[in-house]
Amino acid sequence: MGKTKGKAQQLKGKTKEEIGSMADDKGTEMKGRAEKAEGRMEESKADAAARMRKIHDASR
């Protein structure tokens, strides 16, 4: 679920970034960039957790 949540957050952030860019609203654009970064971190966290589960399962 974390990976899906991260992808959704990235998409939401990209949308905000684009709207801010088109409206020449630097605040909205920066919020969008930050949200995209949070989404990438969430996705990375989910990937790391999946790798750890795989390693743990392989060691049994």
PDB file of N, CA and C in Angstrom:
ATOM      1  N   MET A   1       0.822  -1.197   0.000  1.00  0.00           N
ATOM      2  CA  MET A   1       0.000   0.000   0.000  1.00  0.00           C
ATOM      3  C   MET A   1       0.861   1.254   0.000  1.00  0.00           C
ATOM      4  N   GLY A   2       2.004   1.229   0.630  1.00  0.00           N
ATOM      5  CA  GLY A   2       2.861   2.399   0.693  1.00  0.00           C
ATOM      6  C   GLY A   2       3.334   2.861  -0.671  1.00  0.00           C
ATOM      7  N   LYS A   3       3.608   1.895  -1.538  1.00  0.00           N
ATOM      8  CA  LYS A   3       4.093   2.248  -2.869  1.00  0.00           C
ATOM      9  C   LYS A   3       2.987   2.961  -3.657  1.00  0.00           C
ATOM     10  N   THR A   4       1.772   2.457  -3.548  1.00  0.00           N
ATOM     11  CA  THR A   4       0.644   3.079  -4.230  1.00  0.00           C
ATOM     12  C   THR A   4       0.382   4.474  -3.665  1.00  0.00           C
ATOM     13  N   LYS A   5       0.460   4.587  -2.352  1.00  0.00           N
ATOM     14  CA  LYS A   5       0.260   5.887  -1.698  1.00  0.00           C
ATOM     15  C   LYS A   5       1.330   6.881  -2.166  1.00  0.00           C
ATOM     16  N   GLY A   6       2.563   6.405  -2.269  1.00  0.00           N
ATOM     17  CA  GLY A   6       3.659   7.260  -2.729  1.00  0.00           C
ATOM     18  C   GLY A   6       3.456   7.732  -4.159  1.00  0.00           C
ATOM     19  N   LYS A   7       3.026   6.818  -5.030  1.00  0.00           N
ATOM     20  CA  LYS A   7       2.764   7.195  -6.430  1.00  0.00           C
ATOM     21  C   LYS A   7       1.649   8.228  -6.509  1.00  0.00           C
ATOM     22  N   ALA A   8       0.588   8.023  -5.717  1.00  0.00           N
ATOM     23  CA  ALA A   8      -0.539   8.960  -5.719  1.00  0.00           C
ATOM     24  C   ALA A   8      -0.098  10.331  -5.227  1.00  0.00           C
ATOM     25  N   GLN A   9       0.731  10.356  -4.199  1.00  0.00           N
ATOM     26  CA  GLN A   9       1.214  11.622  -3.664  1.00  0.00           C
ATOM     27  C   GLN A   9       2.105  12.330  -4.686  1.00  0.00           C
ATOM     28  N   GLN A  10       2.908  11.574  -5.414  1.00  0.00           N
ATOM     29  CA  GLN A  10       3.739  12.177  -6.455  1.00  0.00           C
ATOM     30  C   GLN A  10       2.878  12.820  -7.539  1.00  0.00           C
ATOM     31  N   LEU A  11       1.817  12.121  -7.929  1.00  0.00           N
ATOM     32  CA  LEU A  11       0.919  12.642  -8.956  1.00  0.00           C
ATOM     33  C   LEU A  11       0.222  13.910  -8.477  1.00  0.00           C
ATOM     34  N   LYS A  12      -0.226  13.883  -7.239  1.00  0.00           N
ATOM     35  CA  LYS A  12      -0.880  15.056  -6.653  1.00  0.00           C
ATOM     36  C   LYS A  12       0.098  16.245  -6.613  1.00  0.00           C
ATOM     37  N   GLY A  13       1.330  15.963  -6.213  1.00  0.00           N
ATOM     38  CA  GLY A  13       2.346  17.015  -6.159  1.00  0.00           C
ATOM     39  C   GLY A  13       2.672  17.564  -7.531  1.00  0.00           C
ATOM     40  N   LYS A  14       2.752  16.686  -8.517  1.00  0.00           N
ATOM     41  CA  LYS A  14       3.047  17.134  -9.886  1.00  0.00           C
ATOM     42  C   LYS A  14       1.931  18.033 -10.394  1.00  0.00           C
ATOM     43  N   THR A  15       0.698  17.673 -10.072  1.00  0.00           N
ATOM     44  CA  THR A  15      -0.448  18.486 -10.485  1.00  0.00           C
ATOM     45  C   THR A  15      -0.360  19.873  -9.859  1.00  0.00           C
ATOM     46  N   LYS A  16      -0.080  19.934  -8.548  1.00  0.00           N
ATOM     47  CA  LYS A  16       0.053  21.224  -7.873  1.00  0.00           C
ATOM     48  C   LYS A  16       1.192  22.037  -8.478  1.00  0.00           C
ATOM     49  N   GLU A  17       2.295  21.355  -8.745  1.00  0.00           N
ATOM     50  CA  GLU A  17       3.456  22.042  -9.326  1.00  0.00           C
ATOM     51  C   GLU A  17       3.097  22.654 -10.677  1.00  0.00           C
ATOM     52  N   GLU A  18       2.412  21.892 -11.509  1.00  0.00           N
ATOM     53  CA  GLU A  18       2.029  22.389 -12.835  1.00  0.00           C
ATOM     54  C   GLU A  18       1.037  23.553 -12.735  1.00  0.00           C
ATOM     55  N   ILE A  19       0.064  23.441 -11.842  1.00  0.00           N
ATOM     56  CA  ILE A  19      -0.911  24.516 -11.661  1.00  0.00           C
ATOM     57  C   ILE A  19      -0.197  25.778 -11.188  1.00  0.00           C
ATOM     58  N   GLY A  20       0.700  25.615 -10.234  1.00  0.00           N
ATOM     59  CA  GLY A  20       1.464  26.757  -9.739  1.00  0.00           C
ATOM     60  C   GLY A  20       2.310  27.385 -10.825  1.00  0.00           C
ATOM     61  N   SER A  21       2.890  26.558 -11.670  1.00  0.00           N
ATOM     62  CA  SER A  21       3.716  27.063 -12.759  1.00  0.00           C
ATOM     63  C   SER A  21       2.874  27.847 -13.773  1.00  0.00           C
ATOM     64  N   MET A  22       1.724  27.273 -14.125  1.00  0.00           N
ATOM     65  CA  MET A  22       0.852  27.953 -15.099  1.00  0.00           C
ATOM     66  C   MET A  22       0.279  29.257 -14.545  1.00  0.00           C
ATOM     67  N   ALA A  23      -0.007  29.269 -13.235  1.00  0.00           N
ATOM     68  CA  ALA A  23      -0.599  30.455 -12.616  1.00  0.00           C
ATOM     69  C   ALA A  23       0.470  31.421 -12.118  1.00  0.00           C
ATOM     70  N   ASP A  24       1.726  31.087 -12.330  1.00  0.00           N
ATOM     71  CA  ASP A  24       2.857  31.873 -11.847  1.00  0.00           C
ATOM     72  C   ASP A  24       2.751  32.089 -10.335  1.00  0.00           C
ATOM     73  N   ASP A  25       2.378  31.013  -9.638  1.00  0.00           N
ATOM     74  CA  ASP A  25       2.232  31.012  -8.185  1.00  0.00           C
ATOM     75  C   ASP A  25       3.357  30.150  -7.613  1.00  0.00           C
ATOM     76  N   LYS A  26       4.429  30.805  -7.198  1.00  0.00           N
ATOM     77  CA  LYS A  26       5.616  30.082  -6.727  1.00  0.00           C
ATOM     78  C   LYS A  26       5.333  29.267  -5.469  1.00  0.00           C
ATOM     79  N   GLY A  27       4.432  29.740  -4.611  1.00  0.00           N
ATOM     80  CA  GLY A  27       4.094  29.011  -3.393  1.00  0.00           C
ATOM     81  C   GLY A  27       3.471  27.660  -3.697  1.00  0.00           C
ATOM     82  N   THR A  28       2.487  27.648  -4.587  1.00  0.00           N
ATOM     83  CA  THR A  28       1.830  26.400  -4.968  1.00  0.00           C
ATOM     84  C   THR A  28       2.806  25.492  -5.695  1.00  0.00           C
ATOM     85  N   GLU A  29       3.633  26.080  -6.523  1.00  0.00           N
ATOM     86  CA  GLU A  29       4.627  25.294  -7.261  1.00  0.00           C
ATOM     87  C   GLU A  29       5.598  24.605  -6.299  1.00  0.00           C
ATOM     88  N   MET A  30       6.055  25.321  -5.291  1.00  0.00           N
ATOM     89  CA  MET A  30       6.984  24.748  -4.318  1.00  0.00           C
ATOM     90  C   MET A  30       6.300  23.701  -3.449  1.00  0.00           C
ATOM     91  N   LYS A  31       5.044  23.923  -3.090  1.00  0.00           N
ATOM     92  CA  LYS A  31       4.302  22.919  -2.316  1.00  0.00           C
ATOM     93  C   LYS A  31       4.172  21.638  -3.131  1.00  0.00           C
ATOM     94  N   GLY A  32       3.944  21.784  -4.417  1.00  0.00           N
ATOM     95  CA  GLY A  32       3.850  20.620  -5.298  1.00  0.00           C
ATOM     96  C   GLY A  32       5.159  19.858  -5.361  1.00  0.00           C
ATOM     97  N   ARG A  33       6.261  20.588  -5.461  1.00  0.00           N
ATOM     98  CA  ARG A  33       7.577  19.929  -5.489  1.00  0.00           C
ATOM     99  C   ARG A  33       7.839  19.178  -4.195  1.00  0.00           C
ATOM    100  N   ALA A  34       7.468  19.803  -3.072  1.00  0.00           N
ATOM    101  CA  ALA A  34       7.664  19.156  -1.776  1.00  0.00           C
ATOM    102  C   ALA A  34       6.806  17.896  -1.670  1.00  0.00           C
ATOM    103  N   GLU A  35       5.579  17.974  -2.155  1.00  0.00           N
ATOM    104  CA  GLU A  35       4.692  16.818  -2.098  1.00  0.00           C
ATOM    105  C   GLU A  35       5.209  15.677  -2.985  1.00  0.00           C
ATOM    106  N   LYS A  36       5.764  16.031  -4.135  1.00  0.00           N
ATOM    107  CA  LYS A  36       6.368  15.005  -4.995  1.00  0.00           C
ATOM    108  C   LYS A  36       7.521  14.317  -4.271  1.00  0.00           C
ATOM    109  N   ALA A  37       8.338  15.097  -3.585  1.00  0.00           N
ATOM    110  CA  ALA A  37       9.474  14.532  -2.848  1.00  0.00           C
ATOM    111  C   ALA A  37       8.987  13.608  -1.733  1.00  0.00           C
ATOM    112  N   GLU A  38       7.935  14.013  -1.024  1.00  0.00           N
ATOM    113  CA  GLU A  38       7.370  13.154   0.018  1.00  0.00           C
ATOM    114  C   GLU A  38       6.869  11.846  -0.584  1.00  0.00           C
ATOM    115  N   GLY A  39       6.260  11.929  -1.744  1.00  0.00           N
ATOM    116  CA  GLY A  39       5.772  10.731  -2.420  1.00  0.00           C
ATOM    117  C   GLY A  39       6.898   9.799  -2.811  1.00  0.00           C
ATOM    118  N   ARG A  40       8.009  10.374  -3.290  1.00  0.00           N
ATOM    119  CA  ARG A  40       9.172   9.554  -3.646  1.00  0.00           C
ATOM    120  C   ARG A  40       9.738   8.866  -2.401  1.00  0.00           C
ATOM    121  N   MET A  41       9.760   9.596  -1.278  1.00  0.00           N
ATOM    122  CA  MET A  41      10.257   8.996  -0.033  1.00  0.00           C
ATOM    123  C   MET A  41       9.339   7.865   0.429  1.00  0.00           C
ATOM    124  N   GLU A  42       8.032   8.068   0.339  1.00  0.00           N
ATOM    125  CA  GLU A  42       7.074   7.027   0.724  1.00  0.00           C
ATOM    126  C   GLU A  42       7.256   5.781  -0.141  1.00  0.00           C
ATOM    127  N   GLU A  43       7.447   5.998  -1.437  1.00  0.00           N
ATOM    128  CA  GLU A  43       7.658   4.875  -2.353  1.00  0.00           C
ATOM    129  C   GLU A  43       8.964   4.146  -2.031  1.00  0.00           C
ATOM    130  N   SER A  44      10.014   4.895  -1.752  1.00  0.00           N
ATOM    131  CA  SER A  44      11.300   4.289  -1.395  1.00  0.00           C
ATOM    132  C   SER A  44      11.190   3.506  -0.097  1.00  0.00           C
ATOM    133  N   LYS A  45      10.464   4.050   0.855  1.00  0.00           N
ATOM    134  CA  LYS A  45      10.274   3.372   2.130  1.00  0.00           C
ATOM    135  C   LYS A  45       9.554   2.039   1.919  1.00  0.00           C
ATOM    136  N   ALA A  46       8.539   2.047   1.067  1.00  0.00           N
ATOM    137  CA  ALA A  46       7.800   0.815   0.773  1.00  0.00           C
ATOM    138  C   ALA A  46       8.698  -0.202   0.070  1.00  0.00           C
ATOM    139  N   ASP A  47       9.530   0.269  -0.857  1.00  0.00           N
ATOM    140  CA  ASP A  47      10.463  -0.627  -1.550  1.00  0.00           C
ATOM    141  C   ASP A  47      11.450  -1.255  -0.570  1.00  0.00           C
ATOM    142  N   ALA A  48      11.975  -0.442   0.350  1.00  0.00           N
ATOM    143  CA  ALA A  48      12.934  -0.948   1.336  1.00  0.00           C
ATOM    144  C   ALA A  48      12.273  -1.978   2.249  1.00  0.00           C
ATOM    145  N   ALA A  49      11.049  -1.705   2.653  1.00  0.00           N
ATOM    146  CA  ALA A  49      10.328  -2.648   3.519  1.00  0.00           C
ATOM    147  C   ALA A  49      10.097  -3.975   2.790  1.00  0.00           C
ATOM    148  N   ALA A  50       9.767  -3.900   1.517  1.00  0.00           N
ATOM    149  CA  ALA A  50       9.548  -5.114   0.729  1.00  0.00           C
ATOM    150  C   ALA A  50      10.849  -5.913   0.603  1.00  0.00           C
ATOM    151  N   ARG A  51      11.964  -5.218   0.407  1.00  0.00           N
ATOM    152  CA  ARG A  51      13.260  -5.904   0.319  1.00  0.00           C
ATOM    153  C   ARG A  51      13.607  -6.583   1.646  1.00  0.00           C
ATOM    154  N   MET A  52      13.331  -5.884   2.744  1.00  0.00           N
ATOM    155  CA  MET A  52      13.621  -6.453   4.064  1.00  0.00           C
ATOM    156  C   MET A  52      12.758  -7.689   4.323  1.00  0.00           C
ATOM    157  N   ARG A  53      11.490  -7.647   3.926  1.00  0.00           N
ATOM    158  CA  ARG A  53      10.620  -8.814   4.089  1.00  0.00           C
ATOM    159  C   ARG A  53      11.152  -9.984   3.268  1.00  0.00           C
ATOM    160  N   LYS A  54      11.603  -9.672   2.051  1.00  0.00           N
ATOM    161  CA  LYS A  54      12.138 -10.718   1.174  1.00  0.00           C
ATOM    162  C   LYS A  54      13.391 -11.356   1.793  1.00  0.00           C
ATOM    163  N   ILE A  55      14.268 -10.540   2.316  1.00  0.00           N
ATOM    164  CA  ILE A  55      15.493 -11.039   2.962  1.00  0.00           C
ATOM    165  C   ILE A  55      15.130 -11.875   4.187  1.00  0.00           C
ATOM    166  N   HIS A  56      14.189 -11.373   4.966  1.00  0.00           N
ATOM    167  CA  HIS A  56      13.768 -12.092   6.172  1.00  0.00           C
ATOM    168  C   HIS A  56      13.160 -13.442   5.814  1.00  0.00           C
ATOM    169  N   ASP A  57      12.309 -13.470   4.806  1.00  0.00           N
ATOM    170  CA  ASP A  57      11.677 -14.721   4.380  1.00  0.00           C
ATOM    171  C   ASP A  57      12.704 -15.721   3.819  1.00  0.00           C
ATOM    172  N   ALA A  58      13.721 -15.199   3.141  1.00  0.00           N
ATOM    173  CA  ALA A  58      14.739 -16.066   2.563  1.00  0.00           C
ATOM    174  C   ALA A  58      15.637 -16.684   3.640  1.00  0.00           C
ATOM    175  N   SER A  59      15.758 -16.003   4.767  1.00  0.00           N
ATOM    176  CA  SER A  59      16.629 -16.512   5.818  1.00  0.00           C
ATOM    177  C   SER A  59      15.957 -17.559   6.690  1.00  0.00           C
ATOM    178  N   ARG A  60      14.700 -17.804   6.490  1.00  0.00           N
ATOM    179  CA  ARG A  60      13.985 -18.821   7.288  1.00  0.00           C
ATOM    180  C   ARG A  60      14.287 -20.198   6.814  1.00  0.00           C
TER     181      ARG A  60
END
